[in-house]
Amino acid sequence: MVIDLHCDTFLRLMEGKDNPGLYENNLNVDIKKLTKAKSLAQFFAMWINIRENNPLETCLKMIDKFYMELDKNQDHIALATNYEDIMRNKDKGKISAILTIEDGGAVKGEIHNLRNFYRLGVRGITLTWNNVNEIGFPNIKEEYRNKGLTEFGREVVHEMNSLGMLIDVSHLSDAGFYDVARLSKKPFIASHSNSRAIKDHFRNLTDDMIKVLSDKGGVIGISFERDFLGDSENAKIEDMVRHIKHIKNVGGIGVIAIGSDYDGCNPNCEVDNIGEIGKLREALKANKFTEDEIDKIFYQNALRVIKDVL
């Protein structure tokens, strides 16, 4: 089984007229591929570029598309808003779909929008993407990295804790990461990030961050984006394993999860789509990871955080 903490599939479904929908398409994620992967749950991010769109309106349109696809494919996939939903869907032979937003700018600086997103079924928010928003700063520019959460951002952390939503610090500034660690009373996640010690990229976490995340009971989702993995033009499985080994040594096996970034990352990945995730499992076996450790990485650690927070 596998839980993937991040994909951008609905962005592609909104864009592409040639993609027939979620059941079967030419993307990295669809229901047939998820079934092949024995997916327990897939996190679907509603990605927003706040510079190009009305972020709230765009996000609502994407959420509508999300629910339309779930309705069309209700024999195979169903919404999950908590651990119990996932278990209930599993018993019915259905994949769980967890609704998230990538860029808290969709909230438009209004806490009532956050609460309304919760009512619509959203259970996780990546606080920033690559743009400054009302919550905080992205790590994309050196000048932003020492800037933490805004006053509204601190309010968002408290409200997400209160509601039971996953706080996602991928893309967030380094200072913002430590603000979340200090303020959040519940575990939080870096849904699609890797180790900065292995690949020095601003989107990856430092060893200290990994330790802090582990101490808080959170997880880091290993991303299949080639730029976060290594220096090859391809996203190589051996690089994924290198990051996993290092993160295990730094923060323990309990801090590692999967956060592919499928349909949002560069092509040419040796794990071409979610249906091929077994290739990573076999590589971990070949590198002396036990079945118990692999299960923790693939779904158990993420499931624990879901149970703790949602």
Protein backbone atom coordinates (compact mmCIF):
# COMPACT_ATOMS: atom_id res chain seq x y z
CA MET A 1 0.00 0.00 0.00
CA VAL A 2 1.02 3.61 -0.44
CA ILE A 3 -0.07 7.09 0.62
CA ASP A 4 1.23 9.87 -1.63
CA LEU A 5 1.18 13.28 0.08
CA HIS A 6 1.25 15.45 -3.05
CA CYS A 7 0.27 15.47 -6.71
CA ASP A 8 -0.85 18.23 -9.09
CA THR A 9 -3.09 16.07 -11.24
CA PHE A 10 -6.12 18.33 -11.01
CA LEU A 11 -4.16 21.25 -12.40
CA ARG A 12 -3.49 19.12 -15.48
CA LEU A 13 -7.09 17.96 -15.68
CA MET A 14 -8.22 21.59 -15.60
CA GLU A 15 -5.75 22.51 -18.36
CA GLY A 16 -5.92 19.60 -20.75
CA LYS A 17 -8.77 18.98 -23.14
CA ASP A 18 -7.12 15.72 -24.19
CA ASN A 19 -7.30 14.21 -20.71
CA PRO A 20 -10.58 12.35 -20.36
CA GLY A 21 -10.65 12.51 -16.56
CA LEU A 22 -9.40 10.89 -13.42
CA TYR A 23 -10.21 7.26 -14.24
CA GLU A 24 -7.70 6.88 -17.09
CA ASN A 25 -5.50 9.56 -18.63
CA ASN A 26 -2.02 10.26 -20.00
CA LEU A 27 -0.82 11.81 -16.73
CA ASN A 28 1.22 10.35 -13.86
CA VAL A 29 -1.83 9.75 -11.69
CA ASP A 30 -5.19 8.21 -12.49
CA ILE A 31 -7.43 5.66 -10.84
CA LYS A 32 -6.11 2.75 -12.88
CA LYS A 33 -2.52 3.60 -11.91
CA LEU A 34 -3.51 4.18 -8.28
CA THR A 35 -5.18 0.77 -8.24
CA LYS A 36 -2.03 -0.85 -9.63
CA ALA A 37 -0.04 0.89 -6.86
CA LYS A 38 -2.44 -0.46 -4.21
CA SER A 39 -2.98 3.14 -3.15
CA LEU A 40 -4.50 3.62 0.26
CA ALA A 41 -4.83 7.40 -0.16
CA GLN A 42 -3.81 10.06 -2.63
CA PHE A 43 -3.47 13.71 -1.63
CA PHE A 44 -4.73 15.91 -4.49
CA ALA A 45 -3.42 19.48 -4.38
CA MET A 46 -5.41 22.37 -5.81
CA TRP A 47 -2.44 24.43 -7.08
CA ILE A 48 -2.88 28.19 -7.29
CA ASN A 49 -0.65 30.82 -8.89
CA ILE A 50 -1.84 33.90 -7.03
CA ARG A 51 -0.13 36.23 -9.51
CA GLU A 52 -2.16 34.99 -12.46
CA ASN A 53 -5.59 34.25 -11.10
CA ASN A 54 -8.22 35.26 -8.62
CA PRO A 55 -6.91 32.66 -6.16
CA LEU A 56 -10.16 32.05 -4.29
CA GLU A 57 -12.29 31.73 -7.42
CA THR A 58 -9.72 29.53 -9.15
CA CYS A 59 -9.45 27.25 -6.15
CA LEU A 60 -13.23 26.87 -5.89
CA LYS A 61 -13.40 25.90 -9.58
CA MET A 62 -10.73 23.25 -9.01
CA ILE A 63 -12.54 21.89 -5.97
CA ASP A 64 -15.72 21.63 -8.04
CA LYS A 65 -13.78 19.63 -10.65
CA PHE A 66 -12.40 17.42 -7.87
CA TYR A 67 -15.89 16.57 -6.62
CA MET A 68 -17.24 16.02 -10.14
CA GLU A 69 -14.50 13.47 -10.78
CA LEU A 70 -15.18 11.73 -7.46
CA ASP A 71 -18.88 11.51 -8.35
CA LYS A 72 -18.07 10.05 -11.79
CA ASN A 73 -15.77 7.44 -10.24
CA GLN A 74 -17.53 6.72 -6.97
CA ASP A 75 -17.18 2.96 -7.38
CA HIS A 76 -13.38 3.33 -7.17
CA ILE A 77 -12.50 6.42 -5.13
CA ALA A 78 -14.05 8.45 -2.32
CA LEU A 79 -13.32 11.53 -0.26
CA ALA A 80 -11.53 11.03 3.05
CA THR A 81 -11.39 13.77 5.66
CA ASN A 82 -9.91 11.70 8.49
CA TYR A 83 -8.40 8.36 9.47
CA GLU A 84 -11.82 6.71 9.92
CA ASP A 85 -12.84 7.65 6.39
CA ILE A 86 -9.68 6.06 5.01
CA MET A 87 -10.33 2.82 6.86
CA ARG A 88 -13.99 2.80 5.79
CA ASN A 89 -13.03 3.40 2.15
CA LYS A 90 -10.40 0.66 2.35
CA ASP A 91 -12.99 -1.81 3.64
CA LYS A 92 -15.17 -0.94 0.64
CA GLY A 93 -12.27 -1.46 -1.76
CA LYS A 94 -12.01 2.25 -2.57
CA ILE A 95 -9.02 4.58 -2.81
CA SER A 96 -9.20 7.59 -0.50
CA ALA A 97 -8.89 11.07 -2.02
CA ILE A 98 -7.63 13.77 0.35
CA LEU A 99 -8.24 17.36 -0.74
CA THR A 100 -5.50 19.94 -0.22
CA ILE A 101 -4.56 23.42 -1.45
CA GLU A 102 -1.10 24.42 -2.66
CA ASP A 103 -0.66 28.10 -1.76
CA GLY A 104 -2.48 29.57 1.21
CA GLY A 105 -2.94 32.69 -0.89
CA ALA A 106 -6.23 31.06 -1.86
CA VAL A 107 -7.48 32.12 1.59
CA LYS A 108 -6.92 35.78 0.57
CA GLY A 109 -5.99 36.85 4.09
CA GLU A 110 -9.44 36.07 5.51
CA ILE A 111 -9.77 33.45 8.23
CA HIS A 112 -13.42 32.80 7.30
CA ASN A 113 -12.19 31.55 3.91
CA LEU A 114 -9.98 29.03 5.70
CA ARG A 115 -12.97 27.78 7.69
CA ASN A 116 -15.09 27.58 4.55
CA PHE A 117 -12.41 25.56 2.79
CA TYR A 118 -12.49 23.19 5.75
CA ARG A 119 -16.26 22.88 5.34
CA LEU A 120 -15.69 22.01 1.68
CA GLY A 121 -13.49 19.10 2.72
CA VAL A 122 -10.02 20.63 2.46
CA ARG A 123 -7.74 18.98 5.01
CA GLY A 124 -4.29 20.36 4.19
CA ILE A 125 -2.75 23.60 2.97
CA THR A 126 0.74 24.27 1.67
CA LEU A 127 1.18 27.66 3.33
CA THR A 128 3.03 29.23 0.40
CA TRP A 129 3.98 28.30 -3.11
CA ASN A 130 6.70 30.37 -4.82
CA ASN A 131 5.00 33.72 -4.24
CA VAL A 132 4.73 35.91 -1.16
CA ASN A 133 1.21 35.76 0.26
CA GLU A 134 -0.67 36.97 3.33
CA ILE A 135 0.62 34.02 5.36
CA GLY A 136 4.35 34.21 4.73
CA PHE A 137 7.25 34.00 2.34
CA PRO A 138 8.54 31.30 -0.03
CA ASN A 139 12.11 30.02 0.15
CA ILE A 140 12.70 30.73 -3.54
CA LYS A 141 14.67 33.95 -2.95
CA GLU A 142 17.56 34.48 -0.55
CA GLU A 143 15.95 37.71 0.68
CA TYR A 144 12.89 35.80 1.89
CA ARG A 145 14.62 33.00 3.79
CA ASN A 146 14.96 34.85 7.11
CA LYS A 147 11.40 36.17 6.97
CA GLY A 148 8.90 34.25 9.06
CA LEU A 149 5.14 34.03 9.21
CA THR A 150 3.06 37.17 9.19
CA GLU A 151 0.61 37.94 11.98
CA PHE A 152 -2.12 36.46 9.79
CA GLY A 153 0.10 33.43 9.13
CA ARG A 154 0.39 32.81 12.86
CA GLU A 155 -3.40 33.03 13.11
CA VAL A 156 -3.70 30.49 10.30
CA VAL A 157 -1.44 28.02 12.14
CA HIS A 158 -3.58 28.26 15.28
CA GLU A 159 -6.83 27.94 13.33
CA MET A 160 -5.60 24.95 11.31
CA ASN A 161 -4.61 23.27 14.57
CA SER A 162 -8.05 24.00 15.97
CA LEU A 163 -9.91 22.75 12.91
CA GLY A 164 -7.75 19.68 12.41
CA MET A 165 -5.96 20.49 9.14
CA LEU A 166 -2.48 19.47 8.02
CA ILE A 167 -0.01 22.35 7.88
CA ASP A 168 2.37 21.85 4.96
CA VAL A 169 5.72 23.70 5.00
CA SER A 170 7.06 22.67 1.58
CA HIS A 171 7.94 25.91 -0.27
CA LEU A 172 7.84 27.94 2.98
CA SER A 173 10.82 30.10 3.98
CA ASP A 174 13.33 28.63 6.42
CA ALA A 175 12.26 31.16 9.07
CA GLY A 176 8.62 30.29 8.41
CA PHE A 177 9.42 26.62 8.98
CA TYR A 178 10.74 27.37 12.44
CA ASP A 179 7.74 29.59 13.20
CA VAL A 180 5.42 26.70 12.37
CA ALA A 181 7.53 24.34 14.50
CA ARG A 182 7.32 26.74 17.42
CA LEU A 183 3.62 27.57 17.10
CA SER A 184 1.96 24.35 15.99
CA LYS A 185 0.62 22.15 18.73
CA LYS A 186 0.16 19.27 16.30
CA PRO A 187 2.45 17.44 13.86
CA PHE A 188 3.00 19.15 10.52
CA ILE A 189 4.36 17.97 7.18
CA ALA A 190 6.69 18.90 4.34
CA SER A 191 4.60 17.19 1.69
CA HIS A 192 7.13 17.21 -1.17
CA SER A 193 10.69 18.05 -0.14
CA ASN A 194 13.99 16.19 0.19
CA SER A 195 17.31 16.55 2.05
CA ARG A 196 19.31 19.74 1.54
CA ALA A 197 22.47 17.98 2.75
CA ILE A 198 22.21 15.54 -0.16
CA LYS A 199 21.03 18.05 -2.76
CA ASP A 200 21.61 21.71 -1.92
CA HIS A 201 18.32 23.11 -3.17
CA PHE A 202 16.20 25.76 -1.44
CA ARG A 203 13.15 23.47 -1.59
CA ASN A 204 14.81 20.80 0.52
CA LEU A 205 15.09 20.65 4.32
CA THR A 206 18.30 21.00 6.32
CA ASP A 207 19.32 18.28 8.77
CA ASP A 208 18.22 20.49 11.66
CA MET A 209 14.80 20.95 10.07
CA ILE A 210 14.47 17.19 9.58
CA LYS A 211 15.27 16.65 13.28
CA VAL A 212 12.75 19.31 14.33
CA LEU A 213 10.09 17.82 12.04
CA SER A 214 10.76 14.38 13.49
CA ASP A 215 10.60 15.68 17.07
CA LYS A 216 7.21 17.25 16.26
CA GLY A 217 5.91 13.91 14.97
CA GLY A 218 5.66 15.10 11.38
CA VAL A 219 6.82 13.65 8.06
CA ILE A 220 8.73 14.70 4.95
CA GLY A 221 7.34 13.36 1.68
CA ILE A 222 10.14 12.28 -0.67
CA SER A 223 9.67 14.20 -3.91
CA PHE A 224 10.41 12.72 -7.33
CA GLU A 225 11.33 16.13 -8.78
CA ARG A 226 14.76 15.65 -10.37
CA ASP A 227 16.03 19.08 -9.25
CA PHE A 228 15.47 18.14 -5.60
CA LEU A 229 17.09 14.72 -5.97
CA GLY A 230 20.44 15.11 -7.70
CA ASP A 231 22.29 16.40 -10.73
CA SER A 232 20.96 14.04 -13.38
CA GLU A 233 18.52 14.99 -16.12
CA ASN A 234 16.42 12.09 -14.88
CA ALA A 235 14.84 11.52 -11.49
CA LYS A 236 16.79 8.42 -10.48
CA ILE A 237 15.66 5.81 -8.01
CA GLU A 238 19.20 5.58 -6.62
CA ASP A 239 18.97 9.27 -5.68
CA MET A 240 15.61 8.72 -3.99
CA VAL A 241 17.21 5.96 -1.94
CA ARG A 242 20.17 8.19 -1.07
CA HIS A 243 17.85 10.85 0.34
CA ILE A 244 15.82 8.27 2.24
CA LYS A 245 18.96 6.76 3.80
CA HIS A 246 20.23 10.15 4.90
CA ILE A 247 16.88 11.29 6.30
CA LYS A 248 16.57 8.01 8.20
CA ASN A 249 20.02 8.57 9.74
CA VAL A 250 19.15 12.15 10.71
CA GLY A 251 15.53 11.95 11.84
CA GLY A 252 14.69 8.26 12.09
CA ILE A 253 12.52 6.01 9.96
CA GLY A 254 9.35 7.58 11.39
CA VAL A 255 9.83 10.92 9.64
CA ILE A 256 9.88 9.60 6.04
CA ALA A 257 6.89 9.43 3.70
CA ILE A 258 6.15 9.69 -0.03
CA GLY A 259 5.29 13.02 -1.69
CA SER A 260 5.84 12.38 -5.38
CA ASP A 261 4.79 15.77 -6.83
CA TYR A 262 3.48 13.81 -9.82
CA ASP A 263 2.00 15.93 -12.60
CA GLY A 264 3.84 18.89 -11.11
CA CYS A 265 7.44 17.77 -11.51
CA ASN A 266 9.74 17.36 -14.49
CA PRO A 267 9.25 14.27 -16.66
CA ASN A 268 11.85 11.54 -17.13
CA CYS A 269 11.42 9.90 -13.75
CA GLU A 270 12.53 6.30 -13.38
CA VAL A 271 9.29 5.79 -11.43
CA ASP A 272 7.27 7.05 -14.38
CA ASN A 273 3.89 7.12 -12.65
CA ILE A 274 2.21 6.12 -9.41
CA GLY A 275 1.51 2.66 -10.83
CA GLU A 276 5.27 2.01 -10.92
CA ILE A 277 5.88 2.88 -7.25
CA GLY A 278 6.82 -0.75 -6.65
CA LYS A 279 10.19 0.01 -8.30
CA LEU A 280 11.10 2.17 -5.31
CA ARG A 281 9.96 -0.53 -2.91
CA GLU A 282 12.23 -3.06 -4.64
CA ALA A 283 15.16 -0.64 -4.57
CA LEU A 284 14.72 -0.10 -0.84
CA LYS A 285 14.65 -3.86 -0.31
CA ALA A 286 17.88 -4.15 -2.29
CA ASN A 287 19.38 -1.52 0.02
CA LYS A 288 18.63 -3.59 3.14
CA PHE A 289 15.50 -1.76 4.29
CA THR A 290 13.18 -4.15 6.10
CA GLU A 291 9.55 -4.70 5.08
CA ASP A 292 8.48 -2.91 8.26
CA GLU A 293 10.64 0.11 7.43
CA ILE A 294 9.35 0.23 3.86
CA ASP A 295 5.74 0.07 5.05
CA LYS A 296 6.43 2.98 7.38
CA ILE A 297 7.83 5.01 4.48
CA PHE A 298 5.12 4.03 2.03
CA TYR A 299 2.04 4.58 4.19
CA GLN A 300 2.23 3.98 7.93
CA ASN A 301 4.02 7.21 8.89
CA ALA A 302 1.63 9.32 6.83
CA LEU A 303 -1.34 7.43 8.25
CA ARG A 304 -0.13 8.11 11.80
CA VAL A 305 0.04 11.85 11.13
CA ILE A 306 -3.40 11.78 9.54
CA LYS A 307 -4.77 10.03 12.62
CA ASP A 308 -3.04 12.53 14.93
CA VAL A 309 -4.17 15.68 13.12
CA LEU A 310 -7.34 15.23 11.09
